[in-house]
Amino acid sequence: MHIHILGICGTFMGGIAAIAREAGHRVTGCDANVYPPMSDQLRALGIDLIEGFGADQMALQPDLFVIGNVVTRGNALMEAILDAGAGYTSGPQWLSENVLKGRHVLAVAGTHGKTTTTSMLAWILDQAGQKPGFLVGGVPLNFGISARLGEGAPFVIEADEYDTAFFDKRSKFVHYRPRTAILNNLEFDHADIFPDLAAIETQFHHLVRTVPAHGRLVVNARETALDRVLARGCWSELQRFGARKEEPGALRARGEPHAFDVLRGSLKIARVDWQQLGEHNQLNALAAIAAAEHVGVPPEQAAAALASFRNVRRRLELRGEVRGIQVYDDFAHHPTAMRTTLNGLRRKAGLARVLVVFEPRTNTMKRGEMKALLPWALEEADLSFCLQGNYGWSATEALAPLGAQAVVADSVDGLVAAIVKAAQPGDQILVMSNGGFGGIHEKLLAALKH
């Protein structure tokens, strides 16, 4: 079958393209911005890419068009598809019907930590010899790829609550029909499609409805929003992890900075020794261990696999060091994720200064929905640097509670200049954005050299 994918260079749709090619389909695709590294990865797989969404692509005459959620009405190619009555479907629907059917799907949902937890779970199952397929919204360093078809029954998928396509406004994860589902956490996000937290809770409830009675829900016990989701109905085995903060002993420290014990619920005690930072990653690991147990991997074996887990690109990834100043890159973009990422680096840095650089890039942040939380998210930083864009709100006013610890600039170059002026040998610089941030990492490292 020949499938033509619209919006192919996004991580999710690019992953679908790779899986489809591995399954033996002819795959072509188009996007508004065909650029590396995804374009290079796809071309290496023999996938032809086209820049833009021209209606002339109808001449390819594929058997099916697969539509990414970046495509809207008014898109020239999409209008031509509709006019011609050609066959089309969404990425999640194609995946459900052609890849996931008949497999043991392990879905990882949550506002934060989906990519990391999905990568952990895929690595655990891989090391257990289960040869899982997976689709991750990032590139796990252990695999070097974001997706594969796999040979075994398990398929591990990052289960996004974002909408499926312009013609299907359900969350993507409703299509996956998991037997094992991780509900990692739940906060308000995606203000462009959800009016409030209750609307997102409804979508999570719809996901819970699709898990069979013999399936397992792995749920963060600290999240009141998830308690409300489960109160609307739960028909599957329930495994909680990470006891509430007021309860003792959920994560018992052993004195080592990179070790913790699994103690929660029915999970046996197993020691995890690894190099990941922050309690949020310990919670991610607990969720992955509990999910892996559902497909026959003992916690002790899962813990041993996590010792060699190398995380995901753009998750506290060290991009370079100049004159003793280390520059890290992280995908964090929601205030809670920013706070937990900063806390993890703060613990590692010890007495060294931590400088945070960020841009409010998501639709939710641009709308100003989370601006009041920014001082809270950044309070552990010695200095914070923010890019002021056309947000309709003032970053200077939002960060005023931080006083002189906050610096705002209206360009990437201006931000780099301010950071270089303030930086000292030994500083840890944490750059947080879910985009390219104007190449700030390379610009910063180059400026620090001089």
Protein backbone atom coordinates (compact mmCIF):
# COMPACT_ATOMS: atom_id res chain seq x y z
CA MET A 1 0.00 0.00 0.00
CA HIS A 2 1.14 3.53 -0.77
CA ILE A 3 0.35 6.04 1.99
CA HIS A 4 1.01 9.76 1.79
CA ILE A 5 1.41 11.50 5.15
CA LEU A 6 0.50 15.15 5.66
CA GLY A 7 2.56 16.73 8.43
CA ILE A 8 5.23 14.04 8.30
CA CYS A 9 8.07 15.90 10.02
CA GLY A 10 6.49 16.03 13.46
CA THR A 11 7.87 13.42 15.85
CA PHE A 12 4.57 11.51 16.07
CA MET A 13 3.78 11.46 12.34
CA GLY A 14 7.43 10.84 11.51
CA GLY A 15 7.30 7.84 13.83
CA ILE A 16 4.22 6.54 12.05
CA ALA A 17 6.03 6.95 8.73
CA ALA A 18 8.99 4.92 10.01
CA ILE A 19 6.73 2.16 11.31
CA ALA A 20 4.73 2.04 8.08
CA ARG A 21 7.93 1.78 6.04
CA GLU A 22 9.21 -0.99 8.31
CA ALA A 23 5.90 -2.81 7.80
CA GLY A 24 6.52 -2.83 4.05
CA HIS A 25 4.38 0.05 2.85
CA ARG A 26 5.47 2.63 0.34
CA VAL A 27 5.54 5.92 2.22
CA THR A 28 5.73 9.50 0.99
CA GLY A 29 4.97 12.66 2.88
CA CYS A 30 4.88 16.43 3.01
CA ASP A 31 5.21 19.21 5.55
CA ALA A 32 5.47 22.97 5.71
CA ASN A 33 9.02 22.71 7.02
CA VAL A 34 10.97 19.70 5.79
CA TYR A 35 14.19 19.99 7.80
CA PRO A 36 16.74 17.89 9.72
CA PRO A 37 16.98 15.80 11.78
CA MET A 38 13.61 14.21 11.03
CA SER A 39 13.93 14.79 7.27
CA ASP A 40 17.32 13.05 7.23
CA GLN A 41 15.98 10.10 9.24
CA LEU A 42 12.99 9.68 6.93
CA ARG A 43 15.00 9.95 3.71
CA ALA A 44 17.42 7.35 5.08
CA LEU A 45 14.41 5.01 5.28
CA GLY A 46 13.63 5.58 1.60
CA ILE A 47 10.74 7.97 2.24
CA ASP A 48 10.28 10.74 -0.35
CA LEU A 49 9.52 14.13 1.19
CA ILE A 50 7.85 17.15 -0.41
CA GLU A 51 8.04 20.72 0.88
CA GLY A 52 4.60 22.30 1.37
CA PHE A 53 1.01 21.13 0.92
CA GLY A 54 0.43 21.73 -2.78
CA ALA A 55 -2.67 20.27 -4.42
CA ASP A 56 -0.42 18.90 -7.18
CA GLN A 57 0.50 16.10 -4.77
CA MET A 58 -2.80 14.46 -5.72
CA ALA A 59 -0.89 13.22 -8.77
CA LEU A 60 0.92 10.74 -6.50
CA GLN A 61 -2.36 8.81 -6.32
CA PRO A 62 -1.66 7.08 -2.99
CA ASP A 63 -4.00 4.42 -1.67
CA LEU A 64 -4.56 6.48 1.47
CA PHE A 65 -3.79 9.92 2.85
CA VAL A 66 -2.82 9.99 6.55
CA ILE A 67 -3.53 13.39 8.08
CA GLY A 68 -1.57 14.95 10.94
CA ASN A 69 -3.23 17.33 13.37
CA VAL A 70 -1.22 20.29 12.05
CA VAL A 71 -3.44 20.19 8.94
CA THR A 72 -6.51 22.44 8.95
CA ARG A 73 -9.35 23.28 6.60
CA GLY A 74 -8.08 25.65 3.95
CA ASN A 75 -4.93 23.60 3.45
CA ALA A 76 -4.65 23.33 -0.35
CA LEU A 77 -3.88 19.62 -0.43
CA MET A 78 -6.53 18.78 2.15
CA GLU A 79 -9.15 20.71 0.17
CA ALA A 80 -8.16 18.76 -2.95
CA ILE A 81 -8.47 15.47 -1.04
CA LEU A 82 -11.97 16.41 0.11
CA ASP A 83 -13.03 17.60 -3.34
CA ALA A 84 -11.83 14.37 -4.95
CA GLY A 85 -13.46 12.15 -2.34
CA ALA A 86 -10.10 10.45 -1.79
CA GLY A 87 -9.57 8.12 1.15
CA TYR A 88 -8.05 9.67 4.27
CA THR A 89 -7.63 8.90 7.95
CA SER A 90 -5.81 10.30 10.98
CA GLY A 91 -2.43 9.13 12.23
CA PRO A 92 -3.79 7.60 15.46
CA GLN A 93 -6.60 5.83 13.55
CA TRP A 94 -4.16 4.38 11.01
CA LEU A 95 -1.91 3.19 13.82
CA SER A 96 -4.82 1.58 15.66
CA GLU A 97 -6.08 -0.31 12.64
CA ASN A 98 -2.76 -1.34 11.10
CA VAL A 99 -0.27 -1.75 13.94
CA LEU A 100 -1.87 -1.95 17.37
CA LYS A 101 -4.70 -4.38 16.66
CA GLY A 102 -4.11 -7.73 18.41
CA ARG A 103 -1.05 -6.50 20.36
CA HIS A 104 -0.62 -5.79 24.05
CA VAL A 105 -0.60 -1.99 24.01
CA LEU A 106 1.02 -0.19 26.93
CA ALA A 107 0.02 3.48 26.79
CA VAL A 108 1.69 6.24 28.82
CA ALA A 109 -0.52 9.28 29.45
CA GLY A 110 -0.02 12.40 31.58
CA THR A 111 0.69 16.11 31.39
CA HIS A 112 4.39 15.61 32.16
CA GLY A 113 6.91 12.81 31.77
CA LYS A 114 5.22 10.88 28.97
CA THR A 115 8.27 10.73 26.72
CA THR A 116 10.67 9.73 29.49
CA THR A 117 8.34 7.13 31.00
CA THR A 118 7.53 5.64 27.58
CA SER A 119 11.25 5.36 26.88
CA MET A 120 11.91 3.73 30.26
CA LEU A 121 9.15 1.19 29.71
CA ALA A 122 10.30 0.34 26.17
CA TRP A 123 13.86 -0.14 27.43
CA ILE A 124 12.76 -2.40 30.30
CA LEU A 125 10.78 -4.64 27.92
CA ASP A 126 13.60 -4.64 25.38
CA GLN A 127 16.14 -5.71 28.01
CA ALA A 128 13.71 -8.43 29.14
CA GLY A 129 13.83 -9.88 25.62
CA GLN A 130 10.26 -8.99 24.70
CA LYS A 131 11.28 -7.12 21.51
CA PRO A 132 8.57 -4.45 21.88
CA GLY A 133 7.43 -2.01 19.28
CA PHE A 134 7.29 1.59 20.39
CA LEU A 135 6.39 5.11 19.38
CA VAL A 136 7.91 7.88 21.50
CA GLY A 137 7.54 11.65 21.19
CA GLY A 138 11.32 12.06 21.33
CA VAL A 139 14.48 10.09 20.68
CA PRO A 140 15.45 7.66 23.49
CA LEU A 141 19.23 7.59 23.65
CA ASN A 142 19.22 3.83 24.26
CA PHE A 143 17.58 3.22 20.89
CA GLY A 144 18.61 6.22 18.78
CA ILE A 145 15.21 6.17 17.02
CA SER A 146 11.75 7.37 18.05
CA ALA A 147 9.73 4.45 16.68
CA ARG A 148 9.92 0.84 15.57
CA LEU A 149 7.45 -1.87 14.65
CA GLY A 150 8.91 -4.50 16.98
CA GLU A 151 8.70 -8.27 16.80
CA GLY A 152 7.03 -9.11 20.10
CA ALA A 153 3.44 -8.70 21.28
CA PRO A 154 3.98 -5.56 23.41
CA PHE A 155 3.74 -2.13 21.85
CA VAL A 156 4.63 0.87 24.03
CA ILE A 157 3.17 4.21 22.99
CA GLU A 158 3.27 7.76 24.27
CA ALA A 159 -0.42 8.54 24.72
CA ASP A 160 -1.03 12.21 24.03
CA GLU A 161 -4.25 13.94 25.12
CA TYR A 162 -3.99 16.47 22.27
CA ASP A 163 -6.71 16.23 19.62
CA THR A 164 -6.45 13.71 16.80
CA ALA A 165 -7.16 15.76 13.66
CA PHE A 166 -9.31 18.60 12.41
CA PHE A 167 -12.05 16.06 11.65
CA ASP A 168 -11.65 14.07 14.90
CA LYS A 169 -11.47 16.21 18.04
CA ARG A 170 -11.07 13.28 20.44
CA SER A 171 -7.74 12.90 22.21
CA LYS A 172 -5.22 10.77 20.33
CA PHE A 173 -5.01 8.19 23.11
CA VAL A 174 -8.66 7.14 22.74
CA HIS A 175 -7.64 5.26 19.57
CA TYR A 176 -5.00 3.07 21.20
CA ARG A 177 -7.18 0.65 23.25
CA PRO A 178 -4.43 -0.21 25.77
CA ARG A 179 -4.36 -3.27 28.01
CA THR A 180 -1.97 -1.41 30.30
CA ALA A 181 -2.34 2.34 30.79
CA ILE A 182 -0.14 4.63 32.88
CA LEU A 183 -1.83 7.80 34.16
CA ASN A 184 1.28 9.66 35.25
CA ASN A 185 -0.16 13.03 36.31
CA LEU A 186 -2.79 15.51 35.19
CA GLU A 187 -2.77 19.32 35.10
CA PHE A 188 -4.29 21.97 32.90
CA ASP A 189 -2.54 22.44 29.56
CA HIS A 190 -3.35 22.86 25.85
CA ALA A 191 -5.49 25.94 26.40
CA ASP A 192 -5.97 26.17 22.63
CA ILE A 193 -8.24 23.10 22.66
CA PHE A 194 -9.36 22.55 26.28
CA PRO A 195 -11.35 25.24 28.14
CA ASP A 196 -10.41 23.93 31.59
CA LEU A 197 -8.99 21.01 33.55
CA ALA A 198 -12.39 19.32 33.78
CA ALA A 199 -12.45 18.95 29.99
CA ILE A 200 -9.10 17.14 30.06
CA GLU A 201 -10.31 14.93 32.90
CA THR A 202 -13.21 13.89 30.67
CA GLN A 203 -10.79 12.78 27.97
CA PHE A 204 -8.78 10.77 30.53
CA HIS A 205 -12.05 9.20 31.66
CA HIS A 206 -12.70 8.17 28.06
CA LEU A 207 -9.26 6.51 28.01
CA VAL A 208 -10.04 4.63 31.23
CA ARG A 209 -13.26 3.35 29.62
CA THR A 210 -11.25 1.63 26.87
CA VAL A 211 -9.06 -0.47 29.22
CA PRO A 212 -10.47 -4.02 29.57
CA ALA A 213 -11.38 -5.63 32.88
CA HIS A 214 -8.26 -7.82 32.77
CA GLY A 215 -6.15 -4.75 31.96
CA ARG A 216 -4.21 -2.61 34.40
CA LEU A 217 -4.33 1.08 35.24
CA VAL A 218 -1.07 2.37 36.75
CA VAL A 219 -1.99 5.61 38.49
CA ASN A 220 -0.03 8.29 40.34
CA ALA A 221 -1.46 8.31 43.87
CA ARG A 222 -0.46 11.96 44.42
CA GLU A 223 -2.79 13.42 41.78
CA THR A 224 -6.22 14.61 42.92
CA ALA A 225 -7.24 15.20 39.31
CA LEU A 226 -6.65 11.50 38.60
CA ASP A 227 -8.70 10.62 41.69
CA ARG A 228 -11.59 12.53 40.11
CA VAL A 229 -11.07 10.66 36.83
CA LEU A 230 -11.23 7.28 38.59
CA ALA A 231 -14.28 8.35 40.61
CA ARG A 232 -16.18 8.56 37.32
CA GLY A 233 -15.62 4.84 36.79
CA CYS A 234 -12.87 2.23 36.89
CA TRP A 235 -13.37 -1.28 35.50
CA SER A 236 -9.78 -2.58 35.49
CA GLU A 237 -7.09 -3.68 37.90
CA LEU A 238 -5.70 -0.61 39.67
CA GLN A 239 -2.03 -0.28 40.65
CA ARG A 240 -1.10 2.98 42.36
CA PHE A 241 2.44 4.29 42.67
CA GLY A 242 4.13 7.14 44.54
CA ALA A 243 2.12 7.49 47.77
CA ARG A 244 0.72 10.88 48.62
CA LYS A 245 3.24 13.29 50.05
CA GLU A 246 1.69 13.08 53.51
CA GLU A 247 2.12 9.28 53.51
CA PRO A 248 5.53 7.89 54.52
CA GLY A 249 7.83 5.61 52.61
CA ALA A 250 6.80 5.90 48.97
CA LEU A 251 10.34 6.62 47.84
CA ARG A 252 12.84 5.67 50.52
CA ALA A 253 16.25 7.23 49.99
CA ARG A 254 19.27 5.00 50.66
CA GLY A 255 21.77 7.82 51.07
CA GLU A 256 23.06 7.61 47.51
CA PRO A 257 22.05 10.46 45.16
CA HIS A 258 21.10 8.08 42.34
CA ALA A 259 19.43 5.19 44.16
CA PHE A 260 15.95 4.49 45.45
CA ASP A 261 13.75 1.54 46.40
CA VAL A 262 10.46 0.34 44.94
CA LEU A 263 8.17 -0.13 47.94
CA ARG A 264 4.66 0.77 46.84
CA GLY A 265 1.60 -1.50 46.70
CA SER A 266 2.09 -5.05 45.47
CA LEU A 267 5.51 -4.28 43.99
CA LYS A 268 8.35 -6.11 45.67
CA ILE A 269 11.32 -4.20 47.05
CA ALA A 270 13.85 -3.63 44.28
CA ARG A 271 16.79 -1.25 44.29
CA VAL A 272 17.28 1.10 41.35
CA ASP A 273 20.78 2.52 40.80
CA TRP A 274 20.97 4.96 37.93
CA GLN A 275 22.11 8.41 36.79
CA GLN A 276 18.75 10.18 36.36
CA LEU A 277 18.02 13.34 38.33
CA GLY A 278 14.99 14.35 40.39
CA GLU A 279 12.11 12.73 42.22
CA HIS A 280 9.94 13.18 39.14
CA ASN A 281 12.14 10.64 37.34
CA GLN A 282 11.81 8.26 40.30
CA LEU A 283 8.04 8.50 39.92
CA ASN A 284 8.37 7.92 36.16
CA ALA A 285 10.44 4.81 36.94
CA LEU A 286 7.87 3.49 39.43
CA ALA A 287 5.17 3.80 36.79
CA ALA A 288 7.30 2.01 34.18
CA ILE A 289 8.17 -0.79 36.63
CA ALA A 290 4.50 -1.32 37.55
CA ALA A 291 3.46 -1.41 33.89
CA ALA A 292 6.27 -3.81 32.96
CA GLU A 293 5.19 -6.17 35.75
CA HIS A 294 1.82 -6.44 33.99
CA VAL A 295 3.53 -8.09 31.00
CA GLY A 296 5.63 -10.43 33.12
CA VAL A 297 8.79 -8.47 33.95
CA PRO A 298 9.63 -8.79 37.69
CA PRO A 299 10.42 -5.48 39.44
CA GLU A 300 13.96 -6.68 40.20
CA GLN A 301 14.61 -7.24 36.49
CA ALA A 302 13.02 -3.90 35.57
CA ALA A 303 15.15 -2.11 38.15
CA ALA A 304 18.29 -3.72 36.73
CA ALA A 305 17.36 -2.52 33.22
CA LEU A 306 16.91 1.05 34.43
CA ALA A 307 20.52 1.10 35.62
CA SER A 308 21.53 1.39 31.95
CA PHE A 309 18.73 3.77 30.92
CA ARG A 310 20.23 6.84 29.22
CA ASN A 311 17.15 9.10 29.09
CA VAL A 312 15.88 10.99 26.04
CA ARG A 313 17.38 13.73 23.92
CA ARG A 314 16.50 17.18 25.25
CA ARG A 315 15.89 15.90 28.78
CA LEU A 316 18.60 17.60 30.84
CA GLU A 317 20.92 16.93 27.91
CA LEU A 318 24.37 18.45 28.32
CA ARG A 319 24.99 20.41 25.12
CA GLY A 320 28.46 21.63 25.94
CA GLU A 321 30.90 23.09 28.46
CA VAL A 322 32.99 26.24 28.15
CA ARG A 323 35.34 27.55 30.86
CA GLY A 324 33.66 25.33 33.44
CA ILE A 325 30.20 26.58 32.48
CA GLN A 326 27.85 23.74 31.52
CA VAL A 327 24.88 24.33 29.19
CA TYR A 328 21.93 21.95 29.44
CA ASP A 329 18.94 21.59 27.12
CA ASP A 330 15.53 20.46 28.36
CA PHE A 331 12.08 20.16 26.77
CA ALA A 332 10.25 21.46 29.87
CA HIS A 333 7.62 24.08 28.97
CA HIS A 334 4.86 23.79 31.61
CA PRO A 335 5.58 25.52 34.96
CA THR A 336 5.38 22.27 36.92
CA ALA A 337 7.80 20.53 34.55
CA MET A 338 10.09 23.56 34.68
CA ARG A 339 10.09 23.47 38.48
CA THR A 340 10.81 19.74 38.74
CA THR A 341 13.56 19.88 36.09
CA LEU A 342 15.18 22.84 37.85
CA ASN A 343 14.94 21.02 41.18
CA GLY A 344 16.72 17.98 39.73
CA LEU A 345 19.58 20.09 38.39
CA ARG A 346 19.68 22.14 41.59
CA ARG A 347 20.33 18.98 43.62
CA LYS A 348 23.08 17.92 41.25
CA ALA A 349 24.68 21.37 41.14
CA GLY A 350 25.07 21.65 44.89
CA LEU A 351 26.62 25.03 45.71
CA ALA A 352 27.10 25.99 42.05
CA ARG A 353 24.85 28.67 40.60
CA VAL A 354 21.99 27.58 38.34
CA LEU A 355 20.93 30.00 35.58
CA VAL A 356 17.64 29.29 33.83
CA VAL A 357 16.84 30.42 30.27
CA PHE A 358 13.32 29.87 28.89
CA GLU A 359 10.74 30.98 26.36
CA PRO A 360 6.94 30.83 26.86
CA ARG A 361 6.36 29.01 23.58
CA THR A 362 3.31 26.75 23.94
CA ASN A 363 -0.16 27.98 23.04
CA THR A 364 -1.10 27.77 26.71
CA MET A 365 1.87 29.89 27.79
CA LYS A 366 1.42 32.42 24.98
CA ARG A 367 -2.15 32.99 26.15
CA GLY A 368 -0.83 33.86 29.59
CA GLU A 369 -2.71 31.02 31.27
CA MET A 370 0.34 30.01 33.33
CA LYS A 371 2.19 33.31 33.76
CA ALA A 372 1.30 33.62 37.47
CA LEU A 373 3.08 30.29 38.13
CA LEU A 374 6.40 31.31 36.59
CA PRO A 375 7.95 32.81 39.77
CA TRP A 376 7.04 29.60 41.60
CA ALA A 377 8.53 27.47 38.80
CA LEU A 378 11.79 29.43 38.85
CA GLU A 379 12.30 30.15 42.54
CA GLU A 380 15.26 27.77 42.89
CA ALA A 381 17.22 29.49 40.13
CA ASP A 382 19.97 31.98 40.97
CA LEU A 383 19.11 33.94 37.82
CA SER A 384 16.32 33.56 35.25
CA PHE A 385 16.38 34.83 31.65
CA CYS A 386 13.17 35.02 29.61
CA LEU A 387 12.50 35.79 25.96
CA GLN A 388 9.72 38.35 25.49
CA GLY A 389 7.66 37.56 22.42
CA ASN A 390 4.34 38.78 21.05
CA TYR A 391 2.39 37.12 23.84
CA GLY A 392 -0.05 39.88 24.72
CA TRP A 393 1.32 39.95 28.27
CA SER A 394 4.49 41.27 29.86
CA ALA A 395 7.14 38.78 30.98
CA THR A 396 8.73 41.57 33.03
CA GLU A 397 5.52 42.05 35.01
CA ALA A 398 4.99 38.29 35.42
CA LEU A 399 8.51 37.81 36.76
CA ALA A 400 8.47 40.91 38.98
CA PRO A 401 8.26 38.80 42.20
CA LEU A 402 11.77 37.51 41.38
CA GLY A 403 13.16 41.04 41.43
CA ALA A 404 16.72 41.39 40.15
CA GLN A 405 16.98 37.62 39.71
CA ALA A 406 14.93 37.88 36.49
CA VAL A 407 16.13 39.33 33.18
CA VAL A 408 13.90 39.76 30.11
CA ALA A 409 15.11 40.37 26.54
CA ASP A 410 13.15 40.79 23.30
CA SER A 411 15.54 38.80 21.09
CA VAL A 412 17.61 35.64 21.31
CA ASP A 413 20.79 37.61 20.65
CA GLY A 414 19.89 40.04 23.43
CA LEU A 415 19.24 37.13 25.76
CA VAL A 416 22.61 35.54 24.91
CA ALA A 417 24.41 38.81 25.58
CA ALA A 418 22.76 39.14 29.00
CA ILE A 419 23.57 35.55 29.94
CA VAL A 420 27.22 35.83 28.90
CA LYS A 421 27.57 39.04 30.90
CA ALA A 422 26.23 37.34 34.03
CA ALA A 423 27.81 33.87 33.67
CA GLN A 424 30.70 32.79 35.88
CA PRO A 425 32.95 29.70 35.79
CA GLY A 426 31.19 26.78 37.44
CA ASP A 427 27.67 27.95 36.53
CA GLN A 428 25.06 25.47 35.33
CA ILE A 429 22.90 27.01 32.57
CA LEU A 430 19.54 25.30 31.98
CA VAL A 431 17.75 26.16 28.72
CA MET A 432 14.08 25.13 28.67
CA SER A 433 11.84 25.19 25.58
CA ASN A 434 9.78 22.78 23.51
CA GLY A 435 11.14 24.36 20.33
CA GLY A 436 14.45 25.24 18.74
CA PHE A 437 14.65 28.55 20.65
CA GLY A 438 16.40 30.27 17.73
CA GLY A 439 19.49 28.09 18.05
CA ILE A 440 20.26 29.64 21.42
CA HIS A 441 22.33 26.66 22.65
CA GLU A 442 24.93 26.98 19.90
CA LYS A 443 24.91 30.77 20.06
CA LEU A 444 25.41 30.69 23.81
CA LEU A 445 28.27 28.21 23.69
CA ALA A 446 29.98 30.18 20.92
CA ALA A 447 29.60 33.46 22.83
CA LEU A 448 30.92 31.93 26.03
CA LYS A 449 34.11 30.90 24.23
CA HIS A 450 34.90 34.56 23.64
